[in-house]
Amino acid sequence: SSYVSISTAVAYTTPFVGAMLADNLLGEYITIIMGCCLCYIPGLILIALTTIPNFMGRINFNVRAIQWGLLVLWPIGTGTVKACVNVFGAKQFHPILQSSLIERYYVNFYMCINIG
């Protein structure tokens, strides 16, 4: 559907915003926390709540809630987290003393991303 296409486009565009937030203003950790708490998790909860009939005060399907969750909250949260989580994980290793571990981390990280 067009909602899923727009949501995917926003999710693949917003990592640029998340990276700029992390690099210039907040840092990786705060950007990940804010992206999860303010956008990603509320967006998923809103999408899940729209599946329960009559839960959000409407007899019919709540299209506005699903649009807000699917087109705004979830993709922005995904983009901010996607831009920071791989770098944040790699920064847990010493860049010179543990360079082989950083390489293994990225191989395992992207393997997990591509598998599931």
N, C-alpha and C. Protein backbone atom coordinates (compact mmCIF):
# COMPACT_ATOMS: atom_id res chain seq x y z
N SER A 1 0.83 -1.18 0.00
CA SER A 1 0.00 0.00 0.00
C SER A 1 0.88 1.25 0.00
N SER A 2 0.28 2.37 -0.25
CA SER A 2 1.04 3.62 -0.30
C SER A 2 1.52 4.03 1.09
N TYR A 3 0.78 3.68 2.15
CA TYR A 3 1.22 4.00 3.51
C TYR A 3 2.55 3.32 3.82
N VAL A 4 2.66 2.06 3.46
CA VAL A 4 3.90 1.33 3.73
C VAL A 4 5.05 1.91 2.92
N SER A 5 4.80 2.29 1.68
CA SER A 5 5.84 2.89 0.84
C SER A 5 6.32 4.22 1.40
N ILE A 6 5.40 5.06 1.82
CA ILE A 6 5.77 6.35 2.41
C ILE A 6 6.52 6.14 3.72
N SER A 7 6.03 5.20 4.52
CA SER A 7 6.69 4.91 5.80
C SER A 7 8.12 4.42 5.58
N THR A 8 8.32 3.56 4.61
CA THR A 8 9.66 3.06 4.29
C THR A 8 10.55 4.18 3.78
N ALA A 9 10.01 5.04 2.96
CA ALA A 9 10.80 6.17 2.44
C ALA A 9 11.23 7.10 3.57
N VAL A 10 10.33 7.38 4.49
CA VAL A 10 10.68 8.24 5.62
C VAL A 10 11.71 7.55 6.52
N ALA A 11 11.54 6.24 6.73
CA ALA A 11 12.48 5.49 7.59
C ALA A 11 13.87 5.45 6.99
N TYR A 12 13.99 5.44 5.67
CA TYR A 12 15.31 5.43 5.04
C TYR A 12 15.88 6.83 4.84
N THR A 13 15.07 7.86 5.01
CA THR A 13 15.55 9.23 4.86
C THR A 13 15.96 9.84 6.21
N THR A 14 15.28 9.48 7.26
CA THR A 14 15.54 10.10 8.56
C THR A 14 16.86 9.73 9.23
N PRO A 15 17.60 8.68 8.82
CA PRO A 15 18.91 8.48 9.45
C PRO A 15 19.85 9.67 9.29
N PHE A 16 19.68 10.45 8.24
CA PHE A 16 20.50 11.66 8.09
C PHE A 16 20.22 12.65 9.21
N VAL A 17 18.96 12.79 9.57
CA VAL A 17 18.59 13.68 10.67
C VAL A 17 19.11 13.12 11.99
N GLY A 18 18.96 11.81 12.19
CA GLY A 18 19.46 11.19 13.40
C GLY A 18 20.97 11.31 13.54
N ALA A 19 21.68 11.17 12.44
CA ALA A 19 23.14 11.31 12.48
C ALA A 19 23.55 12.74 12.80
N MET A 20 22.84 13.71 12.23
CA MET A 20 23.18 15.10 12.54
C MET A 20 22.88 15.43 14.01
N LEU A 21 21.77 14.91 14.53
CA LEU A 21 21.47 15.10 15.94
C LEU A 21 22.56 14.50 16.82
N ALA A 22 22.97 13.28 16.49
CA ALA A 22 23.97 12.59 17.30
C ALA A 22 25.33 13.26 17.21
N ASP A 23 25.73 13.67 16.02
CA ASP A 23 27.06 14.24 15.84
C ASP A 23 27.17 15.67 16.33
N ASN A 24 26.12 16.46 16.19
CA ASN A 24 26.21 17.88 16.48
C ASN A 24 25.59 18.32 17.80
N LEU A 25 24.57 17.60 18.27
CA LEU A 25 23.85 18.09 19.44
C LEU A 25 23.86 17.15 20.64
N LEU A 26 23.41 15.93 20.45
CA LEU A 26 23.06 15.10 21.60
C LEU A 26 24.03 13.97 21.91
N GLY A 27 24.72 13.48 20.93
CA GLY A 27 25.53 12.27 21.12
C GLY A 27 24.71 11.04 20.77
N GLU A 28 25.41 9.92 20.56
CA GLU A 28 24.72 8.70 20.12
C GLU A 28 23.73 8.17 21.16
N TYR A 29 24.18 8.11 22.42
CA TYR A 29 23.35 7.50 23.46
C TYR A 29 22.03 8.25 23.65
N ILE A 30 22.08 9.54 23.80
CA ILE A 30 20.86 10.33 24.02
C ILE A 30 19.97 10.29 22.78
N THR A 31 20.57 10.30 21.59
CA THR A 31 19.77 10.21 20.36
C THR A 31 19.04 8.89 20.28
N ILE A 32 19.72 7.79 20.65
CA ILE A 32 19.06 6.47 20.64
C ILE A 32 17.93 6.44 21.66
N ILE A 33 18.19 6.92 22.86
CA ILE A 33 17.16 6.92 23.91
C ILE A 33 15.96 7.78 23.50
N MET A 34 16.23 8.98 23.00
CA MET A 34 15.13 9.87 22.59
C MET A 34 14.37 9.30 21.40
N GLY A 35 15.09 8.73 20.43
CA GLY A 35 14.42 8.14 19.27
C GLY A 35 13.51 6.99 19.67
N CYS A 36 13.98 6.17 20.61
CA CYS A 36 13.17 5.04 21.07
C CYS A 36 11.98 5.50 21.90
N CYS A 37 12.25 6.36 22.88
CA CYS A 37 11.20 6.74 23.83
C CYS A 37 10.17 7.72 23.27
N LEU A 38 10.60 8.61 22.40
CA LEU A 38 9.69 9.64 21.90
C LEU A 38 8.99 9.27 20.60
N CYS A 39 9.61 8.42 19.79
CA CYS A 39 9.02 8.14 18.48
C CYS A 39 8.78 6.65 18.23
N TYR A 40 9.83 5.83 18.34
CA TYR A 40 9.75 4.44 17.91
C TYR A 40 8.73 3.63 18.73
N ILE A 41 8.90 3.60 20.04
CA ILE A 41 8.01 2.81 20.89
C ILE A 41 6.58 3.37 20.89
N PRO A 42 6.38 4.70 21.04
CA PRO A 42 5.00 5.20 20.94
C PRO A 42 4.36 4.92 19.57
N GLY A 43 5.14 4.98 18.50
CA GLY A 43 4.60 4.66 17.18
C GLY A 43 4.15 3.22 17.08
N LEU A 44 4.96 2.29 17.60
CA LEU A 44 4.57 0.88 17.57
C LEU A 44 3.36 0.62 18.45
N ILE A 45 3.31 1.26 19.61
CA ILE A 45 2.15 1.10 20.49
C ILE A 45 0.89 1.64 19.82
N LEU A 46 1.00 2.79 19.18
CA LEU A 46 -0.15 3.37 18.48
C LEU A 46 -0.63 2.48 17.35
N ILE A 47 0.31 1.91 16.60
CA ILE A 47 -0.06 0.99 15.52
C ILE A 47 -0.75 -0.24 16.10
N ALA A 48 -0.21 -0.77 17.20
CA ALA A 48 -0.81 -1.95 17.82
C ALA A 48 -2.20 -1.65 18.38
N LEU A 49 -2.38 -0.47 18.98
CA LEU A 49 -3.68 -0.13 19.56
C LEU A 49 -4.77 0.05 18.51
N THR A 50 -4.38 0.40 17.29
CA THR A 50 -5.40 0.55 16.25
C THR A 50 -5.98 -0.78 15.81
N THR A 51 -5.36 -1.89 16.20
CA THR A 51 -5.89 -3.20 15.83
C THR A 51 -6.98 -3.67 16.77
N ILE A 52 -7.12 -3.02 17.91
CA ILE A 52 -8.13 -3.42 18.90
C ILE A 52 -9.42 -2.67 18.59
N PRO A 53 -10.50 -3.37 18.26
CA PRO A 53 -11.76 -2.68 17.92
C PRO A 53 -12.30 -1.88 19.11
N ASN A 54 -12.80 -0.70 18.83
CA ASN A 54 -13.44 0.21 19.79
C ASN A 54 -12.53 0.65 20.93
N PHE A 55 -11.24 0.42 20.87
CA PHE A 55 -10.36 0.77 21.98
C PHE A 55 -10.05 2.26 22.02
N MET A 56 -9.93 2.88 20.86
CA MET A 56 -9.54 4.28 20.82
C MET A 56 -10.73 5.21 20.64
N GLY A 57 -11.91 4.77 21.05
CA GLY A 57 -13.08 5.63 21.07
C GLY A 57 -13.83 5.74 19.77
N ARG A 58 -13.57 4.87 18.84
CA ARG A 58 -14.28 4.91 17.57
C ARG A 58 -14.86 3.54 17.28
N ILE A 59 -15.98 3.55 16.64
CA ILE A 59 -16.57 2.28 16.22
C ILE A 59 -15.83 1.76 14.99
N ASN A 60 -15.51 2.66 14.09
CA ASN A 60 -14.78 2.28 12.88
C ASN A 60 -13.28 2.27 13.14
N PHE A 61 -12.55 1.81 12.17
CA PHE A 61 -11.09 1.77 12.23
C PHE A 61 -10.54 3.19 12.31
N ASN A 62 -9.63 3.44 13.24
CA ASN A 62 -9.08 4.77 13.46
C ASN A 62 -7.94 5.03 12.46
N VAL A 63 -8.27 5.62 11.33
CA VAL A 63 -7.30 5.84 10.26
C VAL A 63 -6.28 6.90 10.66
N ARG A 64 -6.70 7.92 11.37
CA ARG A 64 -5.77 8.99 11.78
C ARG A 64 -4.67 8.45 12.67
N ALA A 65 -5.02 7.58 13.60
CA ALA A 65 -4.02 7.03 14.51
C ALA A 65 -3.01 6.17 13.77
N ILE A 66 -3.48 5.35 12.85
CA ILE A 66 -2.56 4.51 12.09
C ILE A 66 -1.68 5.36 11.17
N GLN A 67 -2.25 6.42 10.61
CA GLN A 67 -1.43 7.32 9.78
C GLN A 67 -0.36 8.00 10.61
N TRP A 68 -0.70 8.49 11.77
CA TRP A 68 0.26 9.18 12.63
C TRP A 68 1.36 8.21 13.08
N GLY A 69 0.97 7.02 13.50
CA GLY A 69 1.96 6.05 13.95
C GLY A 69 2.83 5.51 12.85
N LEU A 70 2.20 5.19 11.70
CA LEU A 70 2.92 4.54 10.61
C LEU A 70 3.70 5.51 9.75
N LEU A 71 3.22 6.72 9.60
CA LEU A 71 3.87 7.67 8.70
C LEU A 71 4.77 8.68 9.40
N VAL A 72 4.62 8.84 10.72
CA VAL A 72 5.40 9.86 11.41
C VAL A 72 6.26 9.25 12.52
N LEU A 73 5.63 8.70 13.53
CA LEU A 73 6.37 8.29 14.73
C LEU A 73 7.33 7.13 14.47
N TRP A 74 6.81 6.03 13.95
CA TRP A 74 7.65 4.85 13.75
C TRP A 74 8.83 5.12 12.81
N PRO A 75 8.63 5.72 11.64
CA PRO A 75 9.80 5.92 10.76
C PRO A 75 10.83 6.90 11.30
N ILE A 76 10.39 7.93 12.01
CA ILE A 76 11.36 8.87 12.58
C ILE A 76 12.17 8.17 13.67
N GLY A 77 11.49 7.38 14.51
CA GLY A 77 12.21 6.63 15.53
C GLY A 77 13.17 5.62 14.93
N THR A 78 12.75 4.95 13.87
CA THR A 78 13.62 3.99 13.19
C THR A 78 14.84 4.68 12.62
N GLY A 79 14.64 5.82 12.01
CA GLY A 79 15.77 6.54 11.40
C GLY A 79 16.77 7.05 12.41
N THR A 80 16.29 7.57 13.53
CA THR A 80 17.24 8.08 14.52
C THR A 80 18.03 6.95 15.16
N VAL A 81 17.39 5.83 15.40
CA VAL A 81 18.10 4.70 16.00
C VAL A 81 19.04 4.05 14.99
N LYS A 82 18.57 3.91 13.76
CA LYS A 82 19.37 3.25 12.72
C LYS A 82 20.68 3.99 12.46
N ALA A 83 20.68 5.29 12.58
CA ALA A 83 21.88 6.07 12.30
C ALA A 83 22.92 5.93 13.39
N CYS A 84 22.51 5.59 14.60
CA CYS A 84 23.42 5.66 15.75
C CYS A 84 23.82 4.33 16.34
N VAL A 85 23.00 3.32 16.21
CA VAL A 85 23.21 2.10 17.00
C VAL A 85 24.47 1.34 16.58
N ASN A 86 24.79 1.32 15.30
CA ASN A 86 26.00 0.59 14.89
C ASN A 86 27.27 1.31 15.34
N VAL A 87 27.30 2.62 15.27
CA VAL A 87 28.46 3.39 15.72
C VAL A 87 28.59 3.32 17.24
N PHE A 88 27.46 3.38 17.93
CA PHE A 88 27.48 3.30 19.39
C PHE A 88 28.06 1.96 19.84
N GLY A 89 27.71 0.89 19.16
CA GLY A 89 28.25 -0.43 19.51
C GLY A 89 29.73 -0.52 19.25
N ALA A 90 30.18 0.04 18.14
CA ALA A 90 31.61 -0.03 17.80
C ALA A 90 32.46 0.82 18.74
N LYS A 91 31.88 1.88 19.28
CA LYS A 91 32.64 2.74 20.20
C LYS A 91 32.88 2.08 21.55
N GLN A 92 32.34 0.91 21.78
CA GLN A 92 32.58 0.21 23.03
C GLN A 92 33.95 -0.46 23.05
N PHE A 93 34.61 -0.52 21.89
CA PHE A 93 35.93 -1.14 21.78
C PHE A 93 37.00 -0.07 21.62
N HIS A 94 38.20 -0.36 22.06
CA HIS A 94 39.34 0.55 21.87
C HIS A 94 39.74 0.50 20.40
N PRO A 95 39.88 1.65 19.74
CA PRO A 95 40.10 1.66 18.29
C PRO A 95 41.42 1.05 17.85
N ILE A 96 42.44 1.08 18.67
CA ILE A 96 43.73 0.54 18.26
C ILE A 96 43.94 -0.86 18.84
N LEU A 97 43.70 -1.02 20.12
CA LEU A 97 43.98 -2.29 20.79
C LEU A 97 42.99 -3.39 20.43
N GLN A 98 41.77 -3.01 20.07
CA GLN A 98 40.74 -4.00 19.79
C GLN A 98 40.17 -3.87 18.38
N SER A 99 41.01 -3.55 17.43
CA SER A 99 40.53 -3.33 16.06
C SER A 99 39.95 -4.61 15.45
N SER A 100 40.50 -5.76 15.80
CA SER A 100 39.94 -7.01 15.27
C SER A 100 38.55 -7.27 15.85
N LEU A 101 38.32 -6.86 17.10
CA LEU A 101 37.00 -7.01 17.69
C LEU A 101 35.97 -6.08 17.06
N ILE A 102 36.42 -4.90 16.66
CA ILE A 102 35.52 -3.98 15.96
C ILE A 102 35.09 -4.58 14.64
N GLU A 103 36.02 -5.19 13.92
CA GLU A 103 35.70 -5.83 12.65
C GLU A 103 34.71 -6.98 12.86
N ARG A 104 34.94 -7.80 13.88
CA ARG A 104 34.02 -8.89 14.19
C ARG A 104 32.65 -8.36 14.59
N TYR A 105 32.65 -7.26 15.34
CA TYR A 105 31.38 -6.65 15.74
C TYR A 105 30.56 -6.25 14.51
N TYR A 106 31.18 -5.56 13.56
CA TYR A 106 30.44 -5.13 12.37
C TYR A 106 29.97 -6.31 11.53
N VAL A 107 30.79 -7.35 11.41
CA VAL A 107 30.36 -8.54 10.66
C VAL A 107 29.14 -9.16 11.32
N ASN A 108 29.19 -9.32 12.64
CA ASN A 108 28.06 -9.92 13.35
C ASN A 108 26.84 -9.00 13.36
N PHE A 109 27.07 -7.69 13.50
CA PHE A 109 25.96 -6.74 13.52
C PHE A 109 25.19 -6.78 12.20
N TYR A 110 25.90 -6.67 11.10
CA TYR A 110 25.21 -6.64 9.80
C TYR A 110 24.66 -8.01 9.41
N MET A 111 25.27 -9.09 9.92
CA MET A 111 24.70 -10.40 9.69
C MET A 111 23.34 -10.50 10.38
N CYS A 112 23.27 -10.03 11.62
CA CYS A 112 22.00 -10.05 12.35
C CYS A 112 20.96 -9.14 11.70
N ILE A 113 21.38 -7.98 11.22
CA ILE A 113 20.47 -7.06 10.56
C ILE A 113 19.90 -7.70 9.28
N ASN A 114 20.74 -8.34 8.50
CA ASN A 114 20.28 -8.92 7.25
C ASN A 114 19.49 -10.20 7.43
N ILE A 115 19.75 -10.95 8.48
CA ILE A 115 18.98 -12.17 8.73
C ILE A 115 17.60 -11.84 9.27
N GLY A 116 17.55 -10.91 10.20
CA GLY A 116 16.24 -10.73 10.81
C GLY A 116 15.86 -9.36 11.09
